[in-house]
């Protein structure tokens, strides 16, 4: 049971550097994170492997905020009411 082969990611050596860089400059998506990894380590990773590595580091996908809809002006709401009555 002691001789189980467990492959280690080449990025493990750069774990602290990458975490510090990504904390300082958070990425909007995985593609940006891949470019940061490439700059720091010169290792090119595919999307899924980079995503898995980032989740192991403790990073999570960023949530997108929602913008509320604009409120109708009285003129616009009157126009909409007339359109509804015509049909």
PDB file of N, CA and C in Angstrom:
ATOM      1  N   UNK A   1       0.813  -1.190   0.000  1.00  0.00           N
ATOM      2  CA  UNK A   1       0.000   0.000   0.000  1.00  0.00           C
ATOM      3  C   UNK A   1       0.861   1.259   0.000  1.00  0.00           C
ATOM      4  N   UNK A   2       2.143   1.152   0.332  1.00  0.00           N
ATOM      5  CA  UNK A   2       3.015   2.321   0.371  1.00  0.00           C
ATOM      6  C   UNK A   2       3.534   2.731  -0.999  1.00  0.00           C
ATOM      7  N   UNK A   3       3.477   1.822  -1.961  1.00  0.00           N
ATOM      8  CA  UNK A   3       4.047   2.140  -3.269  1.00  0.00           C
ATOM      9  C   UNK A   3       2.988   2.537  -4.296  1.00  0.00           C
ATOM     10  N   UNK A   4       2.010   3.332  -3.884  1.00  0.00           N
ATOM     11  CA  UNK A   4       0.974   3.823  -4.789  1.00  0.00           C
ATOM     12  C   UNK A   4       1.528   5.018  -5.545  1.00  0.00           C
ATOM     13  N   UNK A   5       1.389   4.968  -6.879  1.00  0.00           N
ATOM     14  CA  UNK A   5       1.876   6.063  -7.718  1.00  0.00           C
ATOM     15  C   UNK A   5       0.831   7.165  -7.748  1.00  0.00           C
ATOM     16  N   UNK A   6       1.225   8.363  -7.346  1.00  0.00           N
ATOM     17  CA  UNK A   6       0.342   9.527  -7.396  1.00  0.00           C
ATOM     18  C   UNK A   6       1.053  10.620  -8.172  1.00  0.00           C
ATOM     19  N   UNK A   7       0.591  10.894  -9.394  1.00  0.00           N
ATOM     20  CA  UNK A   7       1.243  11.941 -10.167  1.00  0.00           C
ATOM     21  C   UNK A   7       1.087  13.306  -9.502  1.00  0.00           C
ATOM     22  N   UNK A   8       2.112  14.127  -9.610  1.00  0.00           N
ATOM     23  CA  UNK A   8       2.103  15.460  -9.011  1.00  0.00           C
ATOM     24  C   UNK A   8       2.130  16.483 -10.139  1.00  0.00           C
ATOM     25  N   UNK A   9       1.308  17.496 -10.009  1.00  0.00           N
ATOM     26  CA  UNK A   9       1.240  18.549 -11.020  1.00  0.00           C
ATOM     27  C   UNK A   9       2.552  19.332 -11.048  1.00  0.00           C
ATOM     28  N   UNK A  10       3.026  19.691 -12.242  1.00  0.00           N
ATOM     29  CA  UNK A  10       4.230  20.524 -12.329  1.00  0.00           C
ATOM     30  C   UNK A  10       4.021  21.909 -11.710  1.00  0.00           C
ATOM     31  N   UNK A  11       2.760  22.301 -11.511  1.00  0.00           N
ATOM     32  CA  UNK A  11       2.465  23.609 -10.929  1.00  0.00           C
ATOM     33  C   UNK A  11       2.621  23.621  -9.413  1.00  0.00           C
ATOM     34  N   UNK A  12       2.758  22.464  -8.799  1.00  0.00           N
ATOM     35  CA  UNK A  12       2.882  22.397  -7.342  1.00  0.00           C
ATOM     36  C   UNK A  12       4.075  23.216  -6.841  1.00  0.00           C
ATOM     37  N   UNK A  13       5.139  23.273  -7.644  1.00  0.00           N
ATOM     38  CA  UNK A  13       6.332  24.049  -7.255  1.00  0.00           C
ATOM     39  C   UNK A  13       6.018  25.541  -7.156  1.00  0.00           C
ATOM     40  N   UNK A  14       5.078  25.997  -7.975  1.00  0.00           N
ATOM     41  CA  UNK A  14       4.763  27.425  -8.075  1.00  0.00           C
ATOM     42  C   UNK A  14       3.493  27.796  -7.314  1.00  0.00           C
ATOM     43  N   UNK A  15       3.027  26.917  -6.471  1.00  0.00           N
ATOM     44  CA  UNK A  15       1.745  27.100  -5.794  1.00  0.00           C
ATOM     45  C   UNK A  15       1.636  28.434  -5.054  1.00  0.00           C
ATOM     46  N   UNK A  16       2.627  28.758  -4.243  1.00  0.00           N
ATOM     47  CA  UNK A  16       2.579  29.986  -3.447  1.00  0.00           C
ATOM     48  C   UNK A  16       2.661  31.233  -4.324  1.00  0.00           C
ATOM     49  N   UNK A  17       3.544  31.200  -5.324  1.00  0.00           N
ATOM     50  CA  UNK A  17       3.675  32.353  -6.230  1.00  0.00           C
ATOM     51  C   UNK A  17       2.363  32.614  -6.966  1.00  0.00           C
ATOM     52  N   UNK A  18       1.760  31.544  -7.491  1.00  0.00           N
ATOM     53  CA  UNK A  18       0.513  31.702  -8.236  1.00  0.00           C
ATOM     54  C   UNK A  18      -0.615  32.198  -7.337  1.00  0.00           C
ATOM     55  N   UNK A  19      -0.693  31.651  -6.131  1.00  0.00           N
ATOM     56  CA  UNK A  19      -1.747  32.082  -5.212  1.00  0.00           C
ATOM     57  C   UNK A  19      -1.593  33.568  -4.878  1.00  0.00           C
ATOM     58  N   UNK A  20      -0.367  33.997  -4.649  1.00  0.00           N
ATOM     59  CA  UNK A  20      -0.131  35.415  -4.326  1.00  0.00           C
ATOM     60  C   UNK A  20      -0.489  36.309  -5.509  1.00  0.00           C
ATOM     61  N   UNK A  21      -0.097  35.894  -6.699  1.00  0.00           N
ATOM     62  CA  UNK A  21      -0.380  36.682  -7.909  1.00  0.00           C
ATOM     63  C   UNK A  21      -1.885  36.775  -8.165  1.00  0.00           C
ATOM     64  N   UNK A  22      -2.594  35.655  -8.001  1.00  0.00           N
ATOM     65  CA  UNK A  22      -4.031  35.647  -8.271  1.00  0.00           C
ATOM     66  C   UNK A  22      -4.821  36.357  -7.173  1.00  0.00           C
ATOM     67  N   UNK A  23      -4.288  36.388  -5.961  1.00  0.00           N
ATOM     68  CA  UNK A  23      -4.938  37.160  -4.888  1.00  0.00           C
ATOM     69  C   UNK A  23      -4.797  38.651  -5.158  1.00  0.00           C
ATOM     70  N   UNK A  24      -3.607  39.028  -5.643  1.00  0.00           N
ATOM     71  CA  UNK A  24      -3.333  40.440  -5.907  1.00  0.00           C
ATOM     72  C   UNK A  24      -4.143  40.940  -7.101  1.00  0.00           C
ATOM     73  N   UNK A  25      -4.206  40.114  -8.160  1.00  0.00           N
ATOM     74  CA  UNK A  25      -4.916  40.481  -9.387  1.00  0.00           C
ATOM     75  C   UNK A  25      -5.892  39.367  -9.746  1.00  0.00           C
ATOM     76  N   UNK A  26      -7.115  39.387  -9.197  1.00  0.00           N
ATOM     77  CA  UNK A  26      -8.089  38.319  -9.492  1.00  0.00           C
ATOM     78  C   UNK A  26      -8.466  38.304 -10.968  1.00  0.00           C
ATOM     79  N   UNK A  27      -8.649  37.110 -11.500  1.00  0.00           N
ATOM     80  CA  UNK A  27      -9.006  36.946 -12.913  1.00  0.00           C
ATOM     81  C   UNK A  27     -10.520  36.894 -13.066  1.00  0.00           C
ATOM     82  N   UNK A  28     -10.992  37.341 -14.218  1.00  0.00           N
ATOM     83  CA  UNK A  28     -12.424  37.316 -14.492  1.00  0.00           C
ATOM     84  C   UNK A  28     -12.894  35.937 -14.919  1.00  0.00           C
ATOM     85  N   UNK A  29     -12.001  35.178 -15.560  1.00  0.00           N
ATOM     86  CA  UNK A  29     -12.392  33.849 -16.032  1.00  0.00           C
ATOM     87  C   UNK A  29     -11.167  32.932 -16.077  1.00  0.00           C
ATOM     88  N   UNK A  30     -11.387  31.697 -16.458  1.00  0.00           N
ATOM     89  CA  UNK A  30     -10.313  30.703 -16.468  1.00  0.00           C
ATOM     90  C   UNK A  30      -9.277  31.039 -17.532  1.00  0.00           C
ATOM     91  N   UNK A  31      -9.702  31.599 -18.649  1.00  0.00           N
ATOM     92  CA  UNK A  31      -8.767  31.945 -19.718  1.00  0.00           C
ATOM     93  C   UNK A  31      -7.729  32.961 -19.232  1.00  0.00           C
ATOM     94  N   UNK A  32      -8.168  33.946 -18.461  1.00  0.00           N
ATOM     95  CA  UNK A  32      -7.220  34.916 -17.898  1.00  0.00           C
ATOM     96  C   UNK A  32      -6.283  34.239 -16.906  1.00  0.00           C
ATOM     97  N   UNK A  33      -6.821  33.317 -16.115  1.00  0.00           N
ATOM     98  CA  UNK A  33      -5.988  32.598 -15.155  1.00  0.00           C
ATOM     99  C   UNK A  33      -4.933  31.761 -15.875  1.00  0.00           C
ATOM    100  N   UNK A  34      -5.314  31.166 -16.999  1.00  0.00           N
ATOM    101  CA  UNK A  34      -4.355  30.381 -17.787  1.00  0.00           C
ATOM    102  C   UNK A  34      -3.227  31.273 -18.279  1.00  0.00           C
ATOM    103  N   UNK A  35      -3.546  32.489 -18.708  1.00  0.00           N
ATOM    104  CA  UNK A  35      -2.494  33.398 -19.185  1.00  0.00           C
ATOM    105  C   UNK A  35      -1.571  33.812 -18.036  1.00  0.00           C
ATOM    106  N   UNK A  36      -2.119  33.999 -16.825  1.00  0.00           N
ATOM    107  CA  UNK A  36      -1.288  34.332 -15.662  1.00  0.00           C
ATOM    108  C   UNK A  36      -0.372  33.158 -15.327  1.00  0.00           C
ATOM    109  N   UNK A  37      -0.934  31.944 -15.355  1.00  0.00           N
ATOM    110  CA  UNK A  37      -0.122  30.746 -15.090  1.00  0.00           C
ATOM    111  C   UNK A  37       0.999  30.638 -16.108  1.00  0.00           C
ATOM    112  N   UNK A  38       0.686  30.910 -17.361  1.00  0.00           N
ATOM    113  CA  UNK A  38       1.697  30.847 -18.434  1.00  0.00           C
ATOM    114  C   UNK A  38       2.801  31.883 -18.204  1.00  0.00           C
ATOM    115  N   UNK A  39       2.425  33.103 -17.794  1.00  0.00           N
ATOM    116  CA  UNK A  39       3.415  34.155 -17.542  1.00  0.00           C
ATOM    117  C   UNK A  39       4.342  33.789 -16.390  1.00  0.00           C
ATOM    118  N   UNK A  40       3.755  33.305 -15.285  1.00  0.00           N
ATOM    119  CA  UNK A  40       4.534  33.038 -14.080  1.00  0.00           C
ATOM    120  C   UNK A  40       5.392  31.786 -14.222  1.00  0.00           C
ATOM    121  N   UNK A  41       4.824  30.713 -14.799  1.00  0.00           N
ATOM    122  CA  UNK A  41       5.504  29.416 -14.784  1.00  0.00           C
ATOM    123  C   UNK A  41       6.031  28.965 -16.135  1.00  0.00           C
ATOM    124  N   UNK A  42       5.558  29.550 -17.216  1.00  0.00           N
ATOM    125  CA  UNK A  42       5.887  29.136 -18.576  1.00  0.00           C
ATOM    126  C   UNK A  42       5.351  27.727 -18.873  1.00  0.00           C
ATOM    127  N   UNK A  43       4.281  27.339 -18.171  1.00  0.00           N
ATOM    128  CA  UNK A  43       3.620  26.058 -18.394  1.00  0.00           C
ATOM    129  C   UNK A  43       2.245  26.356 -18.971  1.00  0.00           C
ATOM    130  N   UNK A  44       1.934  25.741 -20.108  1.00  0.00           N
ATOM    131  CA  UNK A  44       0.653  25.967 -20.766  1.00  0.00           C
ATOM    132  C   UNK A  44      -0.322  24.879 -20.347  1.00  0.00           C
ATOM    133  N   UNK A  45      -1.422  25.254 -19.749  1.00  0.00           N
ATOM    134  CA  UNK A  45      -2.412  24.310 -19.252  1.00  0.00           C
ATOM    135  C   UNK A  45      -3.711  24.444 -20.018  1.00  0.00           C
ATOM    136  N   UNK A  46      -4.428  23.352 -20.143  1.00  0.00           N
ATOM    137  CA  UNK A  46      -5.757  23.377 -20.751  1.00  0.00           C
ATOM    138  C   UNK A  46      -6.759  23.899 -19.725  1.00  0.00           C
ATOM    139  N   UNK A  47      -7.932  24.250 -20.199  1.00  0.00           N
ATOM    140  CA  UNK A  47      -8.957  24.886 -19.372  1.00  0.00           C
ATOM    141  C   UNK A  47      -9.360  24.045 -18.155  1.00  0.00           C
ATOM    142  N   UNK A  48      -9.651  22.753 -18.359  1.00  0.00           N
ATOM    143  CA  UNK A  48     -10.136  21.930 -17.252  1.00  0.00           C
ATOM    144  C   UNK A  48      -9.060  21.711 -16.198  1.00  0.00           C
ATOM    145  N   UNK A  49      -7.818  21.488 -16.633  1.00  0.00           N
ATOM    146  CA  UNK A  49      -6.740  21.274 -15.663  1.00  0.00           C
ATOM    147  C   UNK A  49      -6.463  22.546 -14.863  1.00  0.00           C
ATOM    148  N   UNK A  50      -6.514  23.686 -15.546  1.00  0.00           N
ATOM    149  CA  UNK A  50      -6.293  24.961 -14.857  1.00  0.00           C
ATOM    150  C   UNK A  50      -7.418  25.205 -13.848  1.00  0.00           C
ATOM    151  N   UNK A  51      -8.652  24.903 -14.236  1.00  0.00           N
ATOM    152  CA  UNK A  51      -9.796  25.087 -13.347  1.00  0.00           C
ATOM    153  C   UNK A  51      -9.652  24.200 -12.112  1.00  0.00           C
ATOM    154  N   UNK A  52      -9.272  22.946 -12.315  1.00  0.00           N
ATOM    155  CA  UNK A  52      -9.093  22.027 -11.180  1.00  0.00           C
ATOM    156  C   UNK A  52      -7.976  22.504 -10.257  1.00  0.00           C
ATOM    157  N   UNK A  53      -6.887  22.992 -10.844  1.00  0.00           N
ATOM    158  CA  UNK A  53      -5.771  23.483 -10.043  1.00  0.00           C
ATOM    159  C   UNK A  53      -6.197  24.694  -9.216  1.00  0.00           C
ATOM    160  N   UNK A  54      -6.948  25.597  -9.819  1.00  0.00           N
ATOM    161  CA  UNK A  54      -7.406  26.792  -9.108  1.00  0.00           C
ATOM    162  C   UNK A  54      -8.357  26.426  -7.971  1.00  0.00           C
ATOM    163  N   UNK A  55      -9.212  25.418  -8.173  1.00  0.00           N
ATOM    164  CA  UNK A  55     -10.104  25.015  -7.090  1.00  0.00           C
ATOM    165  C   UNK A  55      -9.314  24.357  -5.963  1.00  0.00           C
ATOM    166  N   UNK A  56      -8.239  23.640  -6.296  1.00  0.00           N
ATOM    167  CA  UNK A  56      -7.396  23.068  -5.243  1.00  0.00           C
ATOM    168  C   UNK A  56      -6.688  24.159  -4.448  1.00  0.00           C
ATOM    169  N   UNK A  57      -6.401  25.286  -5.097  1.00  0.00           N
ATOM    170  CA  UNK A  57      -5.784  26.416  -4.398  1.00  0.00           C
ATOM    171  C   UNK A  57      -6.790  27.150  -3.511  1.00  0.00           C
ATOM    172  N   UNK A  58      -8.083  26.886  -3.732  1.00  0.00           N
ATOM    173  CA  UNK A  58      -9.106  27.524  -2.916  1.00  0.00           C
ATOM    174  C   UNK A  58      -9.848  28.635  -3.625  1.00  0.00           C
ATOM    175  N   UNK A  59      -9.583  28.842  -4.901  1.00  0.00           N
ATOM    176  CA  UNK A  59     -10.298  29.867  -5.664  1.00  0.00           C
ATOM    177  C   UNK A  59     -11.616  29.294  -6.159  1.00  0.00           C
ATOM    178  N   UNK A  60     -12.613  30.142  -6.216  1.00  0.00           N
ATOM    179  CA  UNK A  60     -13.933  29.749  -6.692  1.00  0.00           C
ATOM    180  C   UNK A  60     -14.329  30.679  -7.840  1.00  0.00           C
ATOM    181  N   UNK A  61     -15.272  30.228  -8.685  1.00  0.00           N
ATOM    182  CA  UNK A  61     -15.733  31.117  -9.757  1.00  0.00           C
ATOM    183  C   UNK A  61     -16.335  32.388  -9.176  1.00  0.00           C
ATOM    184  N   UNK A  62     -16.073  33.502  -9.819  1.00  0.00           N
ATOM    185  CA  UNK A  62     -16.598  34.778  -9.344  1.00  0.00           C
ATOM    186  C   UNK A  62     -18.060  34.895  -9.730  1.00  0.00           C
ATOM    187  N   UNK A  63     -18.854  35.465  -8.828  1.00  0.00           N
ATOM    188  CA  UNK A  63     -20.273  35.638  -9.102  1.00  0.00           C
ATOM    189  C   UNK A  63     -20.486  36.950  -9.848  1.00  0.00           C
ATOM    190  N   UNK A  64     -21.373  36.903 -10.800  1.00  0.00           N
ATOM    191  CA  UNK A  64     -21.674  38.077 -11.601  1.00  0.00           C
ATOM    192  C   UNK A  64     -22.849  38.806 -10.968  1.00  0.00           C
ATOM    193  N   UNK A  65     -22.712  40.106 -10.797  1.00  0.00           N
ATOM    194  CA  UNK A  65     -23.797  40.895 -10.226  1.00  0.00           C
ATOM    195  C   UNK A  65     -24.873  41.173 -11.257  1.00  0.00           C
ATOM    196  N   UNK A  66     -26.069  41.383 -10.794  1.00  0.00           N
ATOM    197  CA  UNK A  66     -27.181  41.678 -11.696  1.00  0.00           C
ATOM    198  C   UNK A  66     -27.521  43.156 -11.615  1.00  0.00           C
ATOM    199  N   UNK A  67     -27.842  43.730 -12.748  1.00  0.00           N
ATOM    200  CA  UNK A  67     -28.222  45.130 -12.813  1.00  0.00           C
ATOM    201  C   UNK A  67     -29.741  45.184 -12.900  1.00  0.00           C
ATOM    202  N   UNK A  68     -30.396  45.918 -12.012  1.00  0.00           N
ATOM    203  CA  UNK A  68     -31.857  45.977 -12.062  1.00  0.00           C
ATOM    204  C   UNK A  68     -32.339  46.679 -13.333  1.00  0.00           C
ATOM    205  N   UNK A  69     -33.509  46.300 -13.773  1.00  0.00           N
ATOM    206  CA  UNK A  69     -34.092  46.904 -14.963  1.00  0.00           C
ATOM    207  C   UNK A  69     -34.423  48.364 -14.696  1.00  0.00           C
ATOM    208  N   UNK A  70     -34.421  49.149 -15.758  1.00  0.00           N
ATOM    209  CA  UNK A  70     -34.752  50.565 -15.605  1.00  0.00           C
ATOM    210  C   UNK A  70     -36.257  50.715 -15.409  1.00  0.00           C
ATOM    211  N   UNK A  71     -36.618  51.670 -14.614  1.00  0.00           N
ATOM    212  CA  UNK A  71     -38.027  51.930 -14.363  1.00  0.00           C
ATOM    213  C   UNK A  71     -38.588  52.751 -15.520  1.00  0.00           C
ATOM    214  N   UNK A  72     -39.801  52.440 -15.917  1.00  0.00           N
ATOM    215  CA  UNK A  72     -40.439  53.170 -17.012  1.00  0.00           C
ATOM    216  C   UNK A  72     -40.839  54.568 -16.557  1.00  0.00           C
ATOM    217  N   UNK A  73     -40.689  55.517 -17.475  1.00  0.00           N
ATOM    218  CA  UNK A  73     -41.160  56.867 -17.193  1.00  0.00           C
ATOM    219  C   UNK A  73     -42.680  56.873 -17.371  1.00  0.00           C
ATOM    220  N   UNK A  74     -43.378  57.855 -16.813  1.00  0.00           N
ATOM    221  CA  UNK A  74     -44.845  57.898 -16.978  1.00  0.00           C
ATOM    222  C   UNK A  74     -45.265  57.935 -18.450  1.00  0.00           C
ATOM    223  N   UNK A  75     -44.481  58.611 -19.272  1.00  0.00           N
ATOM    224  CA  UNK A  75     -44.809  58.697 -20.697  1.00  0.00           C
ATOM    225  C   UNK A  75     -44.725  57.311 -21.345  1.00  0.00           C
ATOM    226  N   UNK A  76     -43.671  56.549 -21.000  1.00  0.00           N
ATOM    227  CA  UNK A  76     -43.498  55.216 -21.574  1.00  0.00           C
ATOM    228  C   UNK A  76     -44.587  54.259 -21.100  1.00  0.00           C
ATOM    229  N   UNK A  77     -44.933  54.332 -19.823  1.00  0.00           N
ATOM    230  CA  UNK A  77     -45.957  53.424 -19.301  1.00  0.00           C
ATOM    231  C   UNK A  77     -47.321  53.733 -19.923  1.00  0.00           C
ATOM    232  N   UNK A  78     -47.621  55.022 -20.176  1.00  0.00           N
ATOM    233  CA  UNK A  78     -48.882  55.391 -20.833  1.00  0.00           C
ATOM    234  C   UNK A  78     -48.911  54.836 -22.257  1.00  0.00           C
ATOM    235  N   UNK A  79     -47.776  54.894 -22.925  1.00  0.00           N
ATOM    236  CA  UNK A  79     -47.679  54.383 -24.289  1.00  0.00           C
ATOM    237  C   UNK A  79     -47.913  52.874 -24.298  1.00  0.00           C
ATOM    238  N   UNK A  80     -47.342  52.159 -23.331  1.00  0.00           N
ATOM    239  CA  UNK A  80     -47.527  50.715 -23.245  1.00  0.00           C
ATOM    240  C   UNK A  80     -48.991  50.354 -22.962  1.00  0.00           C
ATOM    241  N   UNK A  81     -49.638  51.152 -22.108  1.00  0.00           N
ATOM    242  CA  UNK A  81     -51.049  50.910 -21.785  1.00  0.00           C
ATOM    243  C   UNK A  81     -51.913  51.058 -23.029  1.00  0.00           C
ATOM    244  N   UNK A  82     -51.601  52.067 -23.871  1.00  0.00           N
ATOM    245  CA  UNK A  82     -52.368  52.248 -25.100  1.00  0.00           C
ATOM    246  C   UNK A  82     -52.166  51.073 -26.046  1.00  0.00           C
ATOM    247  N   UNK A  83     -50.952  50.547 -26.116  1.00  0.00           N
ATOM    248  CA  UNK A  83     -50.681  49.403 -27.004  1.00  0.00           C
ATOM    249  C   UNK A  83     -51.460  48.181 -26.539  1.00  0.00           C
ATOM    250  N   UNK A  84     -51.568  47.988 -25.233  1.00  0.00           N
ATOM    251  CA  UNK A  84     -52.279  46.827 -24.707  1.00  0.00           C
ATOM    252  C   UNK A  84     -53.764  46.925 -25.005  1.00  0.00           C
ATOM    253  N   UNK A  85     -54.320  48.119 -24.965  1.00  0.00           N
ATOM    254  CA  UNK A  85     -55.758  48.306 -25.220  1.00  0.00           C
ATOM    255  C   UNK A  85     -56.085  48.092 -26.681  1.00  0.00           C
ATOM    256  N   UNK A  86     -55.174  48.417 -27.602  1.00  0.00           N
ATOM    257  CA  UNK A  86     -55.427  48.318 -29.039  1.00  0.00           C
ATOM    258  C   UNK A  86     -55.566  46.859 -29.444  1.00  0.00           C
ATOM    259  N   UNK A  87     -54.793  45.995 -28.878  1.00  0.00           N
ATOM    260  CA  UNK A  87     -54.808  44.584 -29.281  1.00  0.00           C
ATOM    261  C   UNK A  87     -56.028  43.929 -28.862  1.00  0.00           C
TER     262      UNK A  87
END
